[in-house]
C-alpha atoms as a PDB file:
ATOM      1  CA  MET A   1      74.314 -64.584-120.543  1.00  0.00           C
ATOM      2  CA  ALA A   2      71.584 -63.083-118.589  1.00  0.00           C
ATOM      3  CA  LEU A   3      69.748 -64.533-115.996  1.00  0.00           C
ATOM      4  CA  ASP A   4      66.254 -63.117-114.821  1.00  0.00           C
ATOM      5  CA  ALA A   5      63.681 -63.688-112.501  1.00  0.00           C
ATOM      6  CA  SER A   6      62.364 -67.032-113.203  1.00  0.00           C
ATOM      7  CA  ASP A   7      65.986 -68.809-113.793  1.00  0.00           C
ATOM      8  CA  PHE A   8      66.728 -66.899-110.311  1.00  0.00           C
ATOM      9  CA  CYS A   9      63.655 -69.173-108.754  1.00  0.00           C
ATOM     10  CA  LYS A  10      64.654 -71.748-110.221  1.00  0.00           C
ATOM     11  CA  ILE A  11      67.995 -71.463-109.387  1.00  0.00           C
ATOM     12  CA  ILE A  12      66.682 -71.612-105.899  1.00  0.00           C
ATOM     13  CA  LEU A  13      64.259 -74.319-106.198  1.00  0.00           C
ATOM     14  CA  ALA A  14      67.323 -76.645-107.248  1.00  0.00           C
ATOM     15  CA  ILE A  15      68.818 -76.476-104.703  1.00  0.00           C
ATOM     16  CA  ILE A  16      66.152 -77.910-102.487  1.00  0.00           C
ATOM     17  CA  ILE A  17      64.399 -80.452-104.420  1.00  0.00           C
ATOM     18  CA  PRO A  18      66.580 -80.545-108.203  1.00  0.00           C
ATOM     19  CA  PRO A  19      63.933 -82.328-109.647  1.00  0.00           C
ATOM     20  CA  LEU A  20      61.776 -79.546-109.189  1.00  0.00           C
ATOM     21  CA  GLY A  21      64.300 -77.181-110.858  1.00  0.00           C
ATOM     22  CA  VAL A  22      64.407 -79.497-113.744  1.00  0.00           C
ATOM     23  CA  TYR A  23      60.667 -79.962-114.039  1.00  0.00           C
ATOM     24  CA  LEU A  24      60.238 -76.356-114.463  1.00  0.00           C
ATOM     25  CA  GLU A  25      62.941 -76.276-117.300  1.00  0.00           C
ATOM     26  CA  ARG A  26      62.285 -78.892-119.192  1.00  0.00           C
ATOM     27  CA  GLY A  27      59.058 -80.162-118.284  1.00  0.00           C
ATOM     28  CA  TRP A  28      58.844 -83.958-118.382  1.00  0.00           C
ATOM     29  CA  GLY A  29      61.014 -85.473-120.179  1.00  0.00           C
ATOM     30  CA  SER A  30      65.029 -87.813-120.254  1.00  0.00           C
ATOM     31  CA  ASP A  31      66.543 -84.859-117.892  1.00  0.00           C
ATOM     32  CA  LEU A  32      63.832 -84.951-115.279  1.00  0.00           C
ATOM     33  CA  ALA A  33      63.783 -89.117-114.883  1.00  0.00           C
ATOM     34  CA  ILE A  34      67.853 -88.174-115.070  1.00  0.00           C
ATOM     35  CA  ASN A  35      67.539 -85.878-112.735  1.00  0.00           C
ATOM     36  CA  CYS A  36      65.527 -87.935-110.338  1.00  0.00           C
ATOM     37  CA  VAL A  37      68.198 -90.441-109.950  1.00  0.00           C
ATOM     38  CA  LEU A  38      70.763 -88.954-109.320  1.00  0.00           C
ATOM     39  CA  THR A  39      69.241 -86.846-106.495  1.00  0.00           C
ATOM     40  CA  LEU A  40      68.127 -90.537-105.471  1.00  0.00           C
ATOM     41  CA  LEU A  41      71.679 -91.525-106.088  1.00  0.00           C
ATOM     42  CA  GLY A  42      73.294 -88.716-103.956  1.00  0.00           C
ATOM     43  CA  TYR A  43      71.406 -85.098-103.771  1.00  0.00           C
ATOM     44  CA  LEU A  44      74.561 -83.362-104.734  1.00  0.00           C
ATOM     45  CA  PRO A  45      75.110 -85.107-107.558  1.00  0.00           C
ATOM     46  CA  GLY A  46      70.647 -84.131-108.170  1.00  0.00           C
ATOM     47  CA  ILE A  47      71.494 -80.375-107.154  1.00  0.00           C
ATOM     48  CA  ILE A  48      75.065 -80.480-109.758  1.00  0.00           C
ATOM     49  CA  HIS A  49      73.187 -81.679-112.726  1.00  0.00           C
ATOM     50  CA  ALA A  50      69.826 -79.014-112.267  1.00  0.00           C
ATOM     51  CA  LEU A  51      71.971 -76.022-111.934  1.00  0.00           C
ATOM     52  CA  TYR A  52      73.687 -77.475-115.286  1.00  0.00           C
ATOM     53  CA  ILE A  53      69.967 -77.492-117.117  1.00  0.00           C
ATOM     54  CA  ILE A  54      69.021 -73.917-115.899  1.00  0.00           C
ATOM     55  CA  LEU A  55      72.018 -72.619-117.101  1.00  0.00           C
ATOM     56  CA  LYS A  56      73.418 -74.414-119.637  1.00  0.00           C
ATOM     57  CA  ASP A  57      70.773 -72.156-122.193  1.00  0.00           C
END
């Protein structure tokens, strides 16, 4: 799995603002809604989910 510059930027944004990283990867949808809920419940679960979404592909 090769990471390019856009993935690196998404990872940095996912650590700072997890829903933004998910939005840039997938756009509006269920993944963004799930990430928003996880981020509101706890910042760390939101980060983990965002990194999973970005690195999964």
